[in-house]
Amino acid sequence: MGDSTVWTLAIAAMTGGTAVLASWVTGRGSTQAARIQAETAARSQRAERLRESRRTAYLDLIEQTHHIGELFWEISAALRLPGSPDRTAALGELREREVAEYAKIRRCARVVDLEGPPAAAAAALALQRATRPFYAAMTADLSDEADGRHDFDAAFRPFWAALEDFVEAARAAHQQE
């Protein structure tokens, strides 16, 4: 009976040791699985926040582009008016609005530049630069250097093309995410 008790105790000790070891291995595995799952969820949340922040930046730039485009149509109409003090005063007021709208489009383009990716950022900055000919034409007209109306109207096609390029770059970037 003594041998049987020793064997029983030995088997019980081995079984207990195996159970403790199995529990430890399972615990480590569960801990590691939970950590991996938490890291994956955090990466997914970061990616979704980035996607939404980019989408918002893209939409803000598109919206601001349409606002400034509407202002450009108003300026174009004012440039068609015959020369008079009223026309000059109206163009002066429109120029101030153009400067304010440009500041907004510049901010929107910089946010897209910050958010990325590089293709969308480059298209946003090109869109911002496409507003320069409007300002130059209006300045030339106000200073009586030239008839700015033709240069102003000629700037519309490249401006809207730059918007289309930006929308395409933003769409491509959004679909790749």
N, C-alpha and C. Protein backbone atom coordinates (compact mmCIF):
# COMPACT_ATOMS: atom_id res chain seq x y z
N MET A 1 0.80 -1.17 0.00
CA MET A 1 0.00 0.00 0.00
C MET A 1 0.86 1.26 0.00
N GLY A 2 2.02 1.15 0.54
CA GLY A 2 2.90 2.30 0.59
C GLY A 2 3.31 2.73 -0.80
N ASP A 3 3.58 1.71 -1.65
CA ASP A 3 3.97 2.06 -3.01
C ASP A 3 2.82 2.68 -3.78
N SER A 4 1.67 2.19 -3.55
CA SER A 4 0.50 2.70 -4.25
C SER A 4 0.22 4.13 -3.82
N THR A 5 0.42 4.46 -2.59
CA THR A 5 0.20 5.83 -2.12
C THR A 5 1.24 6.75 -2.74
N VAL A 6 2.45 6.32 -2.84
CA VAL A 6 3.50 7.13 -3.44
C VAL A 6 3.16 7.38 -4.91
N TRP A 7 2.74 6.30 -5.58
CA TRP A 7 2.39 6.46 -6.99
C TRP A 7 1.18 7.38 -7.15
N THR A 8 0.22 7.25 -6.30
CA THR A 8 -0.96 8.10 -6.36
C THR A 8 -0.57 9.55 -6.14
N LEU A 9 0.28 9.77 -5.14
CA LEU A 9 0.73 11.13 -4.87
C LEU A 9 1.56 11.68 -6.04
N ALA A 10 2.39 10.84 -6.62
CA ALA A 10 3.22 11.27 -7.75
C ALA A 10 2.34 11.62 -8.95
N ILE A 11 1.36 10.77 -9.21
CA ILE A 11 0.46 11.03 -10.33
C ILE A 11 -0.37 12.28 -10.06
N ALA A 12 -0.81 12.45 -8.83
CA ALA A 12 -1.59 13.64 -8.47
C ALA A 12 -0.73 14.90 -8.62
N ALA A 13 0.52 14.81 -8.21
CA ALA A 13 1.42 15.95 -8.32
C ALA A 13 1.67 16.29 -9.79
N MET A 14 1.87 15.25 -10.61
CA MET A 14 2.10 15.49 -12.04
C MET A 14 0.83 16.06 -12.70
N THR A 15 -0.31 15.52 -12.33
CA THR A 15 -1.57 16.02 -12.88
C THR A 15 -1.78 17.48 -12.46
N GLY A 16 -1.54 17.75 -11.20
CA GLY A 16 -1.68 19.12 -10.70
C GLY A 16 -0.70 20.05 -11.39
N GLY A 17 0.54 19.62 -11.55
CA GLY A 17 1.56 20.42 -12.22
C GLY A 17 1.19 20.68 -13.67
N THR A 18 0.68 19.64 -14.31
CA THR A 18 0.25 19.79 -15.71
C THR A 18 -0.91 20.78 -15.81
N ALA A 19 -1.83 20.69 -14.85
CA ALA A 19 -2.98 21.61 -14.84
C ALA A 19 -2.52 23.05 -14.63
N VAL A 20 -1.58 23.22 -13.70
CA VAL A 20 -1.05 24.57 -13.45
C VAL A 20 -0.33 25.08 -14.69
N LEU A 21 0.48 24.24 -15.31
CA LEU A 21 1.21 24.63 -16.51
C LEU A 21 0.23 24.95 -17.65
N ALA A 22 -0.77 24.10 -17.82
CA ALA A 22 -1.77 24.35 -18.88
C ALA A 22 -2.52 25.65 -18.61
N SER A 23 -2.83 25.90 -17.37
CA SER A 23 -3.53 27.13 -17.01
C SER A 23 -2.64 28.34 -17.31
N TRP A 24 -1.37 28.24 -16.99
CA TRP A 24 -0.43 29.34 -17.23
C TRP A 24 -0.30 29.59 -18.74
N VAL A 25 -0.13 28.53 -19.54
CA VAL A 25 -0.01 28.66 -20.99
C VAL A 25 -1.28 29.27 -21.56
N THR A 26 -2.43 28.79 -21.12
CA THR A 26 -3.71 29.32 -21.60
C THR A 26 -3.85 30.79 -21.23
N GLY A 27 -3.47 31.14 -20.00
CA GLY A 27 -3.54 32.53 -19.56
C GLY A 27 -2.66 33.43 -20.40
N ARG A 28 -1.44 32.98 -20.68
CA ARG A 28 -0.54 33.77 -21.53
C ARG A 28 -1.11 33.93 -22.93
N GLY A 29 -1.65 32.85 -23.44
CA GLY A 29 -2.24 32.89 -24.77
C GLY A 29 -3.43 33.84 -24.81
N SER A 30 -4.26 33.79 -23.79
CA SER A 30 -5.43 34.68 -23.73
C SER A 30 -4.99 36.13 -23.60
N THR A 31 -3.98 36.37 -22.77
CA THR A 31 -3.47 37.73 -22.60
C THR A 31 -2.90 38.25 -23.91
N GLN A 32 -2.13 37.42 -24.59
CA GLN A 32 -1.54 37.83 -25.86
C GLN A 32 -2.63 38.07 -26.91
N ALA A 33 -3.63 37.22 -26.95
CA ALA A 33 -4.73 37.38 -27.90
C ALA A 33 -5.50 38.67 -27.61
N ALA A 34 -5.72 38.96 -26.33
CA ALA A 34 -6.43 40.18 -25.96
C ALA A 34 -5.62 41.42 -26.34
N ARG A 35 -4.31 41.36 -26.14
CA ARG A 35 -3.44 42.49 -26.51
C ARG A 35 -3.47 42.70 -28.02
N ILE A 36 -3.37 41.64 -28.79
CA ILE A 36 -3.40 41.74 -30.25
C ILE A 36 -4.74 42.30 -30.71
N GLN A 37 -5.81 41.82 -30.09
CA GLN A 37 -7.15 42.31 -30.45
C GLN A 37 -7.29 43.79 -30.12
N ALA A 38 -6.78 44.22 -28.97
CA ALA A 38 -6.84 45.64 -28.59
C ALA A 38 -6.02 46.50 -29.54
N GLU A 39 -4.82 46.03 -29.92
CA GLU A 39 -3.98 46.78 -30.86
C GLU A 39 -4.65 46.89 -32.23
N THR A 40 -5.27 45.80 -32.67
CA THR A 40 -5.97 45.81 -33.95
C THR A 40 -7.15 46.77 -33.92
N ALA A 41 -7.90 46.76 -32.83
CA ALA A 41 -9.04 47.68 -32.70
C ALA A 41 -8.55 49.13 -32.67
N ALA A 42 -7.46 49.40 -31.98
CA ALA A 42 -6.92 50.76 -31.91
C ALA A 42 -6.45 51.22 -33.29
N ARG A 43 -5.76 50.34 -34.04
CA ARG A 43 -5.32 50.69 -35.40
C ARG A 43 -6.52 50.97 -36.29
N SER A 44 -7.53 50.16 -36.16
CA SER A 44 -8.74 50.34 -36.96
C SER A 44 -9.42 51.67 -36.64
N GLN A 45 -9.48 52.02 -35.36
CA GLN A 45 -10.08 53.30 -34.97
C GLN A 45 -9.26 54.47 -35.49
N ARG A 46 -7.93 54.38 -35.40
CA ARG A 46 -7.06 55.45 -35.92
C ARG A 46 -7.26 55.61 -37.42
N ALA A 47 -7.33 54.49 -38.13
CA ALA A 47 -7.53 54.55 -39.59
C ALA A 47 -8.88 55.17 -39.92
N GLU A 48 -9.91 54.84 -39.17
CA GLU A 48 -11.24 55.41 -39.43
C GLU A 48 -11.27 56.90 -39.11
N ARG A 49 -10.60 57.31 -38.02
CA ARG A 49 -10.53 58.74 -37.69
C ARG A 49 -9.79 59.51 -38.79
N LEU A 50 -8.69 58.94 -39.28
CA LEU A 50 -7.93 59.57 -40.36
C LEU A 50 -8.79 59.67 -41.63
N ARG A 51 -9.49 58.61 -41.93
CA ARG A 51 -10.36 58.59 -43.12
C ARG A 51 -11.43 59.69 -43.00
N GLU A 52 -12.06 59.80 -41.85
CA GLU A 52 -13.10 60.81 -41.65
C GLU A 52 -12.52 62.23 -41.65
N SER A 53 -11.35 62.39 -41.06
CA SER A 53 -10.74 63.71 -41.03
C SER A 53 -10.34 64.15 -42.44
N ARG A 54 -9.82 63.22 -43.25
CA ARG A 54 -9.49 63.54 -44.63
C ARG A 54 -10.75 63.87 -45.42
N ARG A 55 -11.78 63.07 -45.24
CA ARG A 55 -13.04 63.30 -45.96
C ARG A 55 -13.59 64.69 -45.63
N THR A 56 -13.55 65.06 -44.37
CA THR A 56 -14.03 66.39 -43.97
C THR A 56 -13.18 67.48 -44.61
N ALA A 57 -11.87 67.29 -44.62
CA ALA A 57 -10.97 68.29 -45.23
C ALA A 57 -11.25 68.41 -46.73
N TYR A 58 -11.46 67.29 -47.40
CA TYR A 58 -11.75 67.32 -48.84
C TYR A 58 -13.06 68.05 -49.10
N LEU A 59 -14.08 67.72 -48.33
CA LEU A 59 -15.39 68.36 -48.53
C LEU A 59 -15.33 69.85 -48.24
N ASP A 60 -14.59 70.24 -47.20
CA ASP A 60 -14.45 71.67 -46.89
C ASP A 60 -13.80 72.43 -48.04
N LEU A 61 -12.76 71.84 -48.63
CA LEU A 61 -12.09 72.50 -49.75
C LEU A 61 -13.02 72.59 -50.96
N ILE A 62 -13.75 71.54 -51.24
CA ILE A 62 -14.68 71.56 -52.38
C ILE A 62 -15.75 72.63 -52.15
N GLU A 63 -16.28 72.67 -50.94
CA GLU A 63 -17.31 73.67 -50.62
C GLU A 63 -16.76 75.09 -50.76
N GLN A 64 -15.58 75.32 -50.23
CA GLN A 64 -14.99 76.65 -50.32
C GLN A 64 -14.67 77.03 -51.77
N THR A 65 -14.29 76.05 -52.56
CA THR A 65 -14.02 76.31 -53.97
C THR A 65 -15.30 76.77 -54.66
N HIS A 66 -16.41 76.16 -54.32
CA HIS A 66 -17.67 76.60 -54.92
C HIS A 66 -18.06 78.00 -54.46
N HIS A 67 -17.79 78.32 -53.19
CA HIS A 67 -18.07 79.68 -52.71
C HIS A 67 -17.25 80.71 -53.48
N ILE A 68 -15.97 80.45 -53.64
CA ILE A 68 -15.14 81.42 -54.34
C ILE A 68 -15.50 81.44 -55.82
N GLY A 69 -15.91 80.30 -56.37
CA GLY A 69 -16.36 80.26 -57.77
C GLY A 69 -17.57 81.15 -57.99
N GLU A 70 -18.51 81.12 -57.04
CA GLU A 70 -19.69 81.99 -57.14
C GLU A 70 -19.27 83.46 -57.08
N LEU A 71 -18.31 83.76 -56.22
CA LEU A 71 -17.81 85.14 -56.14
C LEU A 71 -17.14 85.53 -57.46
N PHE A 72 -16.40 84.62 -58.07
CA PHE A 72 -15.77 84.92 -59.35
C PHE A 72 -16.80 85.24 -60.42
N TRP A 73 -17.95 84.58 -60.39
CA TRP A 73 -19.00 84.90 -61.35
C TRP A 73 -19.52 86.32 -61.12
N GLU A 74 -19.66 86.70 -59.85
CA GLU A 74 -20.10 88.08 -59.54
C GLU A 74 -19.07 89.09 -60.05
N ILE A 75 -17.80 88.78 -59.83
CA ILE A 75 -16.74 89.69 -60.29
C ILE A 75 -16.74 89.79 -61.81
N SER A 76 -16.91 88.66 -62.47
CA SER A 76 -16.95 88.65 -63.93
C SER A 76 -18.07 89.54 -64.44
N ALA A 77 -19.23 89.46 -63.79
CA ALA A 77 -20.36 90.31 -64.20
C ALA A 77 -20.03 91.78 -63.97
N ALA A 78 -19.37 92.10 -62.86
CA ALA A 78 -19.02 93.49 -62.57
C ALA A 78 -17.97 94.01 -63.55
N LEU A 79 -17.07 93.14 -63.98
CA LEU A 79 -16.05 93.55 -64.94
C LEU A 79 -16.66 93.90 -66.30
N ARG A 80 -17.83 93.38 -66.60
CA ARG A 80 -18.50 93.67 -67.87
C ARG A 80 -19.20 95.03 -67.87
N LEU A 81 -19.38 95.60 -66.69
CA LEU A 81 -20.06 96.90 -66.60
C LEU A 81 -19.18 97.98 -67.23
N PRO A 82 -19.81 99.02 -67.77
CA PRO A 82 -19.01 100.12 -68.32
C PRO A 82 -18.26 100.85 -67.20
N GLY A 83 -17.13 101.40 -67.54
CA GLY A 83 -16.31 102.12 -66.56
C GLY A 83 -17.07 103.27 -65.91
N SER A 84 -17.05 103.27 -64.59
CA SER A 84 -17.71 104.34 -63.82
C SER A 84 -17.22 104.25 -62.39
N PRO A 85 -17.46 105.30 -61.61
CA PRO A 85 -17.09 105.24 -60.20
C PRO A 85 -17.85 104.12 -59.46
N ASP A 86 -19.11 103.88 -59.86
CA ASP A 86 -19.88 102.80 -59.21
C ASP A 86 -19.24 101.44 -59.50
N ARG A 87 -18.80 101.24 -60.74
CA ARG A 87 -18.14 99.98 -61.11
C ARG A 87 -16.87 99.81 -60.30
N THR A 88 -16.08 100.87 -60.20
CA THR A 88 -14.82 100.82 -59.44
C THR A 88 -15.09 100.51 -57.97
N ALA A 89 -16.12 101.14 -57.40
CA ALA A 89 -16.47 100.88 -56.00
C ALA A 89 -16.93 99.44 -55.82
N ALA A 90 -17.75 98.94 -56.75
CA ALA A 90 -18.23 97.56 -56.66
C ALA A 90 -17.07 96.58 -56.77
N LEU A 91 -16.14 96.84 -57.70
CA LEU A 91 -14.98 95.96 -57.85
C LEU A 91 -14.08 96.01 -56.62
N GLY A 92 -13.96 97.18 -56.01
CA GLY A 92 -13.17 97.28 -54.78
C GLY A 92 -13.76 96.43 -53.67
N GLU A 93 -15.08 96.47 -53.54
CA GLU A 93 -15.76 95.66 -52.51
C GLU A 93 -15.63 94.16 -52.84
N LEU A 94 -15.77 93.83 -54.10
CA LEU A 94 -15.63 92.44 -54.52
C LEU A 94 -14.19 91.94 -54.33
N ARG A 95 -13.24 92.83 -54.52
CA ARG A 95 -11.83 92.45 -54.31
C ARG A 95 -11.59 92.11 -52.84
N GLU A 96 -12.16 92.90 -51.95
CA GLU A 96 -12.03 92.61 -50.51
C GLU A 96 -12.64 91.24 -50.18
N ARG A 97 -13.80 90.97 -50.76
CA ARG A 97 -14.43 89.65 -50.54
C ARG A 97 -13.57 88.53 -51.12
N GLU A 98 -12.96 88.80 -52.27
CA GLU A 98 -12.10 87.80 -52.90
C GLU A 98 -10.91 87.48 -51.99
N VAL A 99 -10.33 88.49 -51.40
CA VAL A 99 -9.19 88.28 -50.49
C VAL A 99 -9.63 87.43 -49.29
N ALA A 100 -10.81 87.74 -48.74
CA ALA A 100 -11.32 86.97 -47.60
C ALA A 100 -11.62 85.52 -47.99
N GLU A 101 -12.20 85.33 -49.16
CA GLU A 101 -12.50 83.97 -49.62
C GLU A 101 -11.22 83.21 -49.94
N TYR A 102 -10.22 83.92 -50.46
CA TYR A 102 -8.94 83.27 -50.74
C TYR A 102 -8.30 82.77 -49.45
N ALA A 103 -8.40 83.56 -48.39
CA ALA A 103 -7.84 83.12 -47.11
C ALA A 103 -8.50 81.82 -46.66
N LYS A 104 -9.79 81.70 -46.90
CA LYS A 104 -10.50 80.47 -46.51
C LYS A 104 -10.07 79.29 -47.37
N ILE A 105 -9.94 79.52 -48.66
CA ILE A 105 -9.55 78.41 -49.54
C ILE A 105 -8.11 78.00 -49.25
N ARG A 106 -7.27 78.97 -48.90
CA ARG A 106 -5.88 78.66 -48.54
C ARG A 106 -5.83 77.81 -47.29
N ARG A 107 -6.65 78.15 -46.29
CA ARG A 107 -6.70 77.36 -45.06
C ARG A 107 -7.17 75.93 -45.37
N CYS A 108 -8.21 75.81 -46.17
CA CYS A 108 -8.72 74.48 -46.53
C CYS A 108 -7.66 73.66 -47.27
N ALA A 109 -6.95 74.29 -48.18
CA ALA A 109 -5.91 73.59 -48.93
C ALA A 109 -4.78 73.15 -48.00
N ARG A 110 -4.45 73.97 -47.03
CA ARG A 110 -3.39 73.61 -46.07
C ARG A 110 -3.82 72.44 -45.18
N VAL A 111 -5.09 72.39 -44.84
CA VAL A 111 -5.58 71.25 -44.05
C VAL A 111 -5.47 69.97 -44.87
N VAL A 112 -5.85 70.03 -46.14
CA VAL A 112 -5.70 68.86 -47.01
C VAL A 112 -4.22 68.50 -47.13
N ASP A 113 -3.37 69.51 -47.25
CA ASP A 113 -1.92 69.27 -47.33
C ASP A 113 -1.44 68.55 -46.07
N LEU A 114 -1.96 68.94 -44.94
CA LEU A 114 -1.59 68.30 -43.67
C LEU A 114 -2.12 66.88 -43.58
N GLU A 115 -3.37 66.68 -43.98
CA GLU A 115 -4.02 65.38 -43.86
C GLU A 115 -3.48 64.37 -44.87
N GLY A 116 -3.12 64.87 -46.06
CA GLY A 116 -2.60 63.98 -47.08
C GLY A 116 -3.68 63.17 -47.75
N PRO A 117 -3.29 62.20 -48.48
CA PRO A 117 -1.96 61.78 -48.89
C PRO A 117 -1.35 62.76 -49.90
N PRO A 118 -0.11 62.52 -50.31
CA PRO A 118 0.60 63.49 -51.17
C PRO A 118 -0.14 63.86 -52.46
N ALA A 119 -0.79 62.92 -53.13
CA ALA A 119 -1.48 63.24 -54.39
C ALA A 119 -2.63 64.21 -54.15
N ALA A 120 -3.40 63.99 -53.11
CA ALA A 120 -4.52 64.89 -52.79
C ALA A 120 -3.98 66.25 -52.34
N ALA A 121 -2.90 66.24 -51.58
CA ALA A 121 -2.30 67.50 -51.12
C ALA A 121 -1.80 68.33 -52.29
N ALA A 122 -1.14 67.68 -53.24
CA ALA A 122 -0.63 68.41 -54.42
C ALA A 122 -1.78 68.98 -55.23
N ALA A 123 -2.85 68.22 -55.38
CA ALA A 123 -4.01 68.71 -56.14
C ALA A 123 -4.69 69.86 -55.41
N ALA A 124 -4.72 69.82 -54.09
CA ALA A 124 -5.32 70.91 -53.30
C ALA A 124 -4.51 72.19 -53.46
N LEU A 125 -3.20 72.08 -53.40
CA LEU A 125 -2.35 73.26 -53.56
C LEU A 125 -2.42 73.81 -54.99
N ALA A 126 -2.57 72.92 -55.97
CA ALA A 126 -2.74 73.38 -57.36
C ALA A 126 -4.07 74.12 -57.51
N LEU A 127 -5.09 73.64 -56.83
CA LEU A 127 -6.38 74.31 -56.86
C LEU A 127 -6.28 75.70 -56.23
N GLN A 128 -5.57 75.79 -55.13
CA GLN A 128 -5.37 77.09 -54.49
C GLN A 128 -4.64 78.04 -55.44
N ARG A 129 -3.60 77.54 -56.11
CA ARG A 129 -2.84 78.38 -57.05
C ARG A 129 -3.69 78.80 -58.26
N ALA A 130 -4.70 78.02 -58.59
CA ALA A 130 -5.55 78.34 -59.74
C ALA A 130 -6.41 79.58 -59.50
N THR A 131 -6.42 80.10 -58.27
CA THR A 131 -7.18 81.32 -57.99
C THR A 131 -6.35 82.58 -58.29
N ARG A 132 -5.05 82.44 -58.43
CA ARG A 132 -4.17 83.60 -58.64
C ARG A 132 -4.50 84.41 -59.88
N PRO A 133 -4.75 83.77 -61.03
CA PRO A 133 -5.04 84.59 -62.23
C PRO A 133 -6.26 85.49 -62.07
N PHE A 134 -7.22 85.07 -61.28
CA PHE A 134 -8.40 85.92 -61.05
C PHE A 134 -7.99 87.21 -60.33
N TYR A 135 -7.18 87.05 -59.30
CA TYR A 135 -6.75 88.20 -58.53
C TYR A 135 -5.88 89.13 -59.39
N ALA A 136 -4.99 88.53 -60.17
CA ALA A 136 -4.10 89.34 -61.02
C ALA A 136 -4.92 90.11 -62.06
N ALA A 137 -5.90 89.46 -62.66
CA ALA A 137 -6.72 90.13 -63.68
C ALA A 137 -7.53 91.27 -63.07
N MET A 138 -8.07 91.03 -61.89
CA MET A 138 -8.88 92.06 -61.24
C MET A 138 -8.00 93.24 -60.82
N THR A 139 -6.82 92.95 -60.29
CA THR A 139 -5.89 94.01 -59.89
C THR A 139 -5.48 94.84 -61.10
N ALA A 140 -5.20 94.17 -62.22
CA ALA A 140 -4.83 94.90 -63.43
C ALA A 140 -5.97 95.78 -63.91
N ASP A 141 -7.20 95.28 -63.84
CA ASP A 141 -8.34 96.07 -64.27
C ASP A 141 -8.55 97.28 -63.37
N LEU A 142 -8.43 97.08 -62.06
CA LEU A 142 -8.63 98.19 -61.13
C LEU A 142 -7.56 99.26 -61.25
N SER A 143 -6.36 98.86 -61.65
CA SER A 143 -5.28 99.84 -61.78
C SER A 143 -5.22 100.44 -63.19
N ASP A 144 -6.19 100.11 -64.00
CA ASP A 144 -6.28 100.60 -65.38
C ASP A 144 -5.07 100.21 -66.22
N GLU A 145 -4.37 99.14 -65.82
CA GLU A 145 -3.24 98.65 -66.62
C GLU A 145 -3.74 97.93 -67.87
N ALA A 146 -4.88 97.25 -67.71
CA ALA A 146 -5.40 96.46 -68.83
C ALA A 146 -6.88 96.19 -68.59
N ASP A 147 -7.51 95.69 -69.62
CA ASP A 147 -8.89 95.23 -69.48
C ASP A 147 -8.82 93.82 -68.90
N GLY A 148 -9.05 93.69 -67.62
CA GLY A 148 -8.89 92.42 -66.93
C GLY A 148 -9.98 91.41 -67.20
N ARG A 149 -11.06 91.85 -67.85
CA ARG A 149 -12.20 90.97 -68.05
C ARG A 149 -11.83 89.72 -68.83
N HIS A 150 -11.06 89.87 -69.90
CA HIS A 150 -10.72 88.71 -70.73
C HIS A 150 -9.80 87.74 -69.97
N ASP A 151 -8.81 88.28 -69.27
CA ASP A 151 -7.92 87.42 -68.48
C ASP A 151 -8.69 86.75 -67.35
N PHE A 152 -9.61 87.50 -66.77
CA PHE A 152 -10.42 86.96 -65.68
C PHE A 152 -11.27 85.80 -66.19
N ASP A 153 -11.96 86.01 -67.29
CA ASP A 153 -12.81 84.95 -67.85
C ASP A 153 -12.00 83.75 -68.33
N ALA A 154 -10.79 84.00 -68.81
CA ALA A 154 -9.93 82.91 -69.27
C ALA A 154 -9.45 82.03 -68.12
N ALA A 155 -9.52 82.54 -66.90
CA ALA A 155 -9.05 81.77 -65.74
C ALA A 155 -10.08 80.74 -65.26
N PHE A 156 -11.32 80.84 -65.71
CA PHE A 156 -12.36 79.91 -65.23
C PHE A 156 -12.06 78.46 -65.60
N ARG A 157 -11.73 78.22 -66.86
CA ARG A 157 -11.52 76.83 -67.30
C ARG A 157 -10.41 76.14 -66.49
N PRO A 158 -9.22 76.76 -66.34
CA PRO A 158 -8.19 76.10 -65.53
C PRO A 158 -8.60 75.93 -64.05
N PHE A 159 -9.37 76.89 -63.55
CA PHE A 159 -9.83 76.81 -62.16
C PHE A 159 -10.73 75.61 -61.95
N TRP A 160 -11.74 75.46 -62.81
CA TRP A 160 -12.65 74.32 -62.66
C TRP A 160 -11.95 73.01 -62.98
N ALA A 161 -10.98 73.03 -63.89
CA ALA A 161 -10.20 71.82 -64.18
C ALA A 161 -9.38 71.42 -62.95
N ALA A 162 -8.83 72.42 -62.26
CA ALA A 162 -8.07 72.13 -61.03
C ALA A 162 -8.98 71.53 -59.97
N LEU A 163 -10.23 72.01 -59.90
CA LEU A 163 -11.18 71.42 -58.96
C LEU A 163 -11.47 69.96 -59.34
N GLU A 164 -11.68 69.71 -60.63
CA GLU A 164 -11.93 68.32 -61.07
C GLU A 164 -10.74 67.43 -60.75
N ASP A 165 -9.52 67.93 -60.95
CA ASP A 165 -8.31 67.16 -60.63
C ASP A 165 -8.26 66.85 -59.14
N PHE A 166 -8.61 67.86 -58.32
CA PHE A 166 -8.61 67.63 -56.88
C PHE A 166 -9.65 66.58 -56.49
N VAL A 167 -10.84 66.71 -57.03
CA VAL A 167 -11.91 65.74 -56.69
C VAL A 167 -11.47 64.33 -57.07
N GLU A 168 -10.84 64.19 -58.22
CA GLU A 168 -10.37 62.87 -58.65
C GLU A 168 -9.27 62.34 -57.71
N ALA A 169 -8.34 63.20 -57.33
CA ALA A 169 -7.28 62.79 -56.40
C ALA A 169 -7.85 62.43 -55.04
N ALA A 170 -8.82 63.21 -54.58
CA ALA A 170 -9.45 62.93 -53.29
C ALA A 170 -10.23 61.62 -53.35
N ARG A 171 -10.93 61.40 -54.44
CA ARG A 171 -11.69 60.16 -54.60
C ARG A 171 -10.75 58.96 -54.58
N ALA A 172 -9.66 59.05 -55.34
CA ALA A 172 -8.69 57.95 -55.39
C ALA A 172 -8.11 57.68 -54.00
N ALA A 173 -7.78 58.75 -53.30
CA ALA A 173 -7.20 58.58 -51.96
C ALA A 173 -8.22 57.97 -51.01
N HIS A 174 -9.44 58.40 -51.13
CA HIS A 174 -10.50 57.90 -50.24
C HIS A 174 -10.79 56.43 -50.52
N GLN A 175 -10.72 56.01 -51.76
CA GLN A 175 -10.99 54.62 -52.10
C GLN A 175 -9.84 53.70 -51.72
N GLN A 176 -8.64 54.23 -51.63
CA GLN A 176 -7.48 53.41 -51.27
C GLN A 176 -7.42 53.13 -49.78
N GLU A 177 -8.13 53.93 -49.00
CA GLU A 177 -8.05 53.78 -47.53
C GLU A 177 -8.86 52.60 -47.07
